[in-house]
Amino acid sequence: MADQDAPDPQFDAMTARLLRREALRRAAEELNTTSEPGLEGVLARISAEVTAEAAGRHATDATLVRKLPRHG
């Protein structure tokens, strides 16, 4: 009777190849802006960048306003 826990190089190679293929497919899908998930991801990243930039600018503006001398 064959030991079922014995390593099977052919099975391991096929499994590794299928895992790489699936990882590449998912990565390509995320980068593909013509697919719904890809476009959604790109828009989410852009939104996050714009929000972070605006928040940083707002914080900088608020700091500058507090430092301005008040007249009158």
N, C-alpha and C. Protein backbone atom coordinates (compact mmCIF):
# COMPACT_ATOMS: atom_id res chain seq x y z
N MET A 1 0.85 -1.18 0.00
CA MET A 1 0.00 0.00 0.00
C MET A 1 0.90 1.25 0.00
N ALA A 2 0.58 2.21 -0.82
CA ALA A 2 1.39 3.43 -0.94
C ALA A 2 1.10 4.37 0.24
N ASP A 3 2.14 5.02 0.70
CA ASP A 3 1.99 6.00 1.78
C ASP A 3 1.37 7.28 1.22
N GLN A 4 0.20 7.65 1.72
CA GLN A 4 -0.50 8.81 1.19
C GLN A 4 0.15 10.13 1.62
N ASP A 5 1.02 10.09 2.62
CA ASP A 5 1.70 11.30 3.07
C ASP A 5 3.04 11.51 2.37
N ALA A 6 3.40 10.59 1.50
CA ALA A 6 4.67 10.72 0.77
C ALA A 6 4.57 11.88 -0.22
N PRO A 7 5.63 12.68 -0.35
CA PRO A 7 5.60 13.80 -1.29
C PRO A 7 5.45 13.31 -2.73
N ASP A 8 4.69 14.03 -3.49
CA ASP A 8 4.49 13.72 -4.90
C ASP A 8 4.98 14.92 -5.71
N PRO A 9 6.18 14.85 -6.26
CA PRO A 9 6.76 16.00 -6.97
C PRO A 9 5.90 16.48 -8.14
N GLN A 10 5.28 15.56 -8.84
CA GLN A 10 4.44 15.95 -9.97
C GLN A 10 3.22 16.74 -9.48
N PHE A 11 2.59 16.27 -8.42
CA PHE A 11 1.45 16.97 -7.84
C PHE A 11 1.88 18.35 -7.31
N ASP A 12 3.02 18.39 -6.61
CA ASP A 12 3.53 19.66 -6.07
C ASP A 12 3.81 20.67 -7.18
N ALA A 13 4.41 20.20 -8.28
CA ALA A 13 4.72 21.09 -9.41
C ALA A 13 3.44 21.63 -10.04
N MET A 14 2.47 20.75 -10.23
CA MET A 14 1.19 21.17 -10.83
C MET A 14 0.47 22.16 -9.91
N THR A 15 0.46 21.89 -8.62
CA THR A 15 -0.18 22.78 -7.66
C THR A 15 0.49 24.15 -7.65
N ALA A 16 1.82 24.16 -7.65
CA ALA A 16 2.56 25.43 -7.66
C ALA A 16 2.25 26.22 -8.93
N ARG A 17 2.21 25.53 -10.06
CA ARG A 17 1.92 26.20 -11.34
C ARG A 17 0.51 26.79 -11.33
N LEU A 18 -0.46 26.04 -10.82
CA LEU A 18 -1.84 26.53 -10.77
C LEU A 18 -1.97 27.72 -9.81
N LEU A 19 -1.27 27.66 -8.68
CA LEU A 19 -1.30 28.78 -7.73
C LEU A 19 -0.69 30.04 -8.34
N ARG A 20 0.43 29.89 -9.05
CA ARG A 20 1.05 31.05 -9.72
C ARG A 20 0.12 31.62 -10.77
N ARG A 21 -0.50 30.74 -11.55
CA ARG A 21 -1.41 31.20 -12.60
C ARG A 21 -2.58 32.00 -12.01
N GLU A 22 -3.14 31.48 -10.91
CA GLU A 22 -4.26 32.17 -10.27
C GLU A 22 -3.81 33.51 -9.67
N ALA A 23 -2.62 33.55 -9.07
CA ALA A 23 -2.11 34.80 -8.52
C ALA A 23 -1.90 35.83 -9.63
N LEU A 24 -1.35 35.40 -10.75
CA LEU A 24 -1.15 36.32 -11.88
C LEU A 24 -2.48 36.79 -12.45
N ARG A 25 -3.45 35.88 -12.54
CA ARG A 25 -4.77 36.26 -13.06
C ARG A 25 -5.41 37.32 -12.17
N ARG A 26 -5.31 37.12 -10.85
CA ARG A 26 -5.91 38.09 -9.93
C ARG A 26 -5.19 39.43 -9.98
N ALA A 27 -3.88 39.40 -10.08
CA ALA A 27 -3.11 40.64 -10.18
C ALA A 27 -3.46 41.38 -11.46
N ALA A 28 -3.57 40.67 -12.56
CA ALA A 28 -3.93 41.29 -13.83
C ALA A 28 -5.34 41.87 -13.77
N GLU A 29 -6.23 41.18 -13.11
CA GLU A 29 -7.61 41.67 -12.99
C GLU A 29 -7.65 42.98 -12.20
N GLU A 30 -6.83 43.06 -11.14
CA GLU A 30 -6.79 44.28 -10.34
C GLU A 30 -6.25 45.46 -11.14
N LEU A 31 -5.31 45.19 -12.06
CA LEU A 31 -4.71 46.25 -12.85
C LEU A 31 -5.54 46.60 -14.08
N ASN A 32 -6.45 45.74 -14.47
CA ASN A 32 -7.25 45.94 -15.67
C ASN A 32 -8.40 46.89 -15.36
N THR A 33 -8.30 48.10 -15.86
CA THR A 33 -9.34 49.10 -15.55
C THR A 33 -10.60 48.91 -16.38
N THR A 34 -10.59 47.96 -17.32
CA THR A 34 -11.81 47.73 -18.10
C THR A 34 -12.74 46.74 -17.41
N SER A 35 -12.24 46.03 -16.38
CA SER A 35 -13.12 45.14 -15.63
C SER A 35 -13.67 45.91 -14.44
N GLU A 36 -14.83 45.49 -13.98
CA GLU A 36 -15.47 46.18 -12.85
C GLU A 36 -14.59 46.19 -11.60
N PRO A 37 -14.04 45.04 -11.17
CA PRO A 37 -13.19 45.07 -9.97
C PRO A 37 -11.93 45.91 -10.18
N GLY A 38 -11.35 45.87 -11.38
CA GLY A 38 -10.15 46.67 -11.65
C GLY A 38 -10.44 48.15 -11.60
N LEU A 39 -11.51 48.56 -12.25
CA LEU A 39 -11.89 49.97 -12.25
C LEU A 39 -12.24 50.44 -10.85
N GLU A 40 -12.93 49.61 -10.12
CA GLU A 40 -13.30 49.94 -8.75
C GLU A 40 -12.05 50.14 -7.89
N GLY A 41 -11.08 49.28 -8.07
CA GLY A 41 -9.83 49.39 -7.31
C GLY A 41 -9.06 50.66 -7.65
N VAL A 42 -8.98 50.99 -8.93
CA VAL A 42 -8.27 52.20 -9.36
C VAL A 42 -8.97 53.43 -8.80
N LEU A 43 -10.28 53.47 -8.91
CA LEU A 43 -11.02 54.62 -8.40
C LEU A 43 -10.89 54.75 -6.88
N ALA A 44 -10.86 53.63 -6.18
CA ALA A 44 -10.69 53.67 -4.73
C ALA A 44 -9.32 54.22 -4.36
N ARG A 45 -8.28 53.79 -5.09
CA ARG A 45 -6.93 54.31 -4.82
C ARG A 45 -6.84 55.79 -5.10
N ILE A 46 -7.42 56.23 -6.22
CA ILE A 46 -7.40 57.65 -6.56
C ILE A 46 -8.14 58.44 -5.49
N SER A 47 -9.29 57.96 -5.08
CA SER A 47 -10.08 58.64 -4.05
C SER A 47 -9.29 58.75 -2.75
N ALA A 48 -8.62 57.68 -2.36
CA ALA A 48 -7.83 57.70 -1.12
C ALA A 48 -6.68 58.69 -1.23
N GLU A 49 -6.02 58.73 -2.40
CA GLU A 49 -4.92 59.68 -2.59
C GLU A 49 -5.41 61.11 -2.53
N VAL A 50 -6.51 61.39 -3.21
CA VAL A 50 -7.05 62.75 -3.23
C VAL A 50 -7.50 63.16 -1.84
N THR A 51 -8.14 62.26 -1.13
CA THR A 51 -8.60 62.56 0.23
C THR A 51 -7.42 62.84 1.15
N ALA A 52 -6.38 62.01 1.07
CA ALA A 52 -5.19 62.21 1.91
C ALA A 52 -4.51 63.53 1.57
N GLU A 53 -4.42 63.84 0.29
CA GLU A 53 -3.79 65.10 -0.13
C GLU A 53 -4.59 66.29 0.37
N ALA A 54 -5.91 66.24 0.24
CA ALA A 54 -6.76 67.34 0.69
C ALA A 54 -6.69 67.49 2.21
N ALA A 55 -6.67 66.38 2.92
CA ALA A 55 -6.59 66.45 4.38
C ALA A 55 -5.26 67.06 4.80
N GLY A 56 -4.19 66.67 4.12
CA GLY A 56 -2.88 67.24 4.43
C GLY A 56 -2.83 68.73 4.13
N ARG A 57 -3.40 69.12 3.03
CA ARG A 57 -3.43 70.54 2.66
C ARG A 57 -4.27 71.32 3.66
N HIS A 58 -5.39 70.75 4.05
CA HIS A 58 -6.28 71.42 5.01
C HIS A 58 -5.55 71.60 6.35
N ALA A 59 -4.84 70.57 6.79
CA ALA A 59 -4.10 70.67 8.05
C ALA A 59 -3.00 71.72 7.94
N THR A 60 -2.32 71.78 6.80
CA THR A 60 -1.27 72.77 6.59
C THR A 60 -1.86 74.17 6.57
N ASP A 61 -2.98 74.35 5.88
CA ASP A 61 -3.64 75.66 5.82
C ASP A 61 -4.08 76.10 7.22
N ALA A 62 -4.63 75.17 7.99
CA ALA A 62 -5.09 75.51 9.34
C ALA A 62 -3.92 75.91 10.21
N THR A 63 -2.79 75.24 10.05
CA THR A 63 -1.60 75.58 10.83
C THR A 63 -1.10 76.97 10.45
N LEU A 64 -1.10 77.27 9.15
CA LEU A 64 -0.63 78.58 8.69
C LEU A 64 -1.55 79.69 9.17
N VAL A 65 -2.84 79.45 9.16
CA VAL A 65 -3.81 80.47 9.61
C VAL A 65 -3.60 80.77 11.08
N ARG A 66 -3.33 79.76 11.89
CA ARG A 66 -3.10 79.98 13.32
C ARG A 66 -1.82 80.77 13.57
N LYS A 67 -0.85 80.65 12.67
CA LYS A 67 0.41 81.34 12.86
C LYS A 67 0.39 82.77 12.35
N LEU A 68 -0.59 83.14 11.56
CA LEU A 68 -0.66 84.50 11.03
C LEU A 68 -0.93 85.50 12.15
N PRO A 69 -0.24 86.62 12.11
CA PRO A 69 -0.53 87.64 13.13
C PRO A 69 -1.91 88.25 12.89
N ARG A 70 -2.59 88.54 13.96
CA ARG A 70 -3.93 89.13 13.84
C ARG A 70 -3.82 90.63 13.98
N HIS A 71 -4.46 91.33 13.08
CA HIS A 71 -4.48 92.80 13.11
C HIS A 71 -5.88 93.25 13.50
N GLY A 72 -5.90 94.21 14.36
CA GLY A 72 -7.15 94.85 14.64
C GLY A 72 -7.83 94.48 15.85
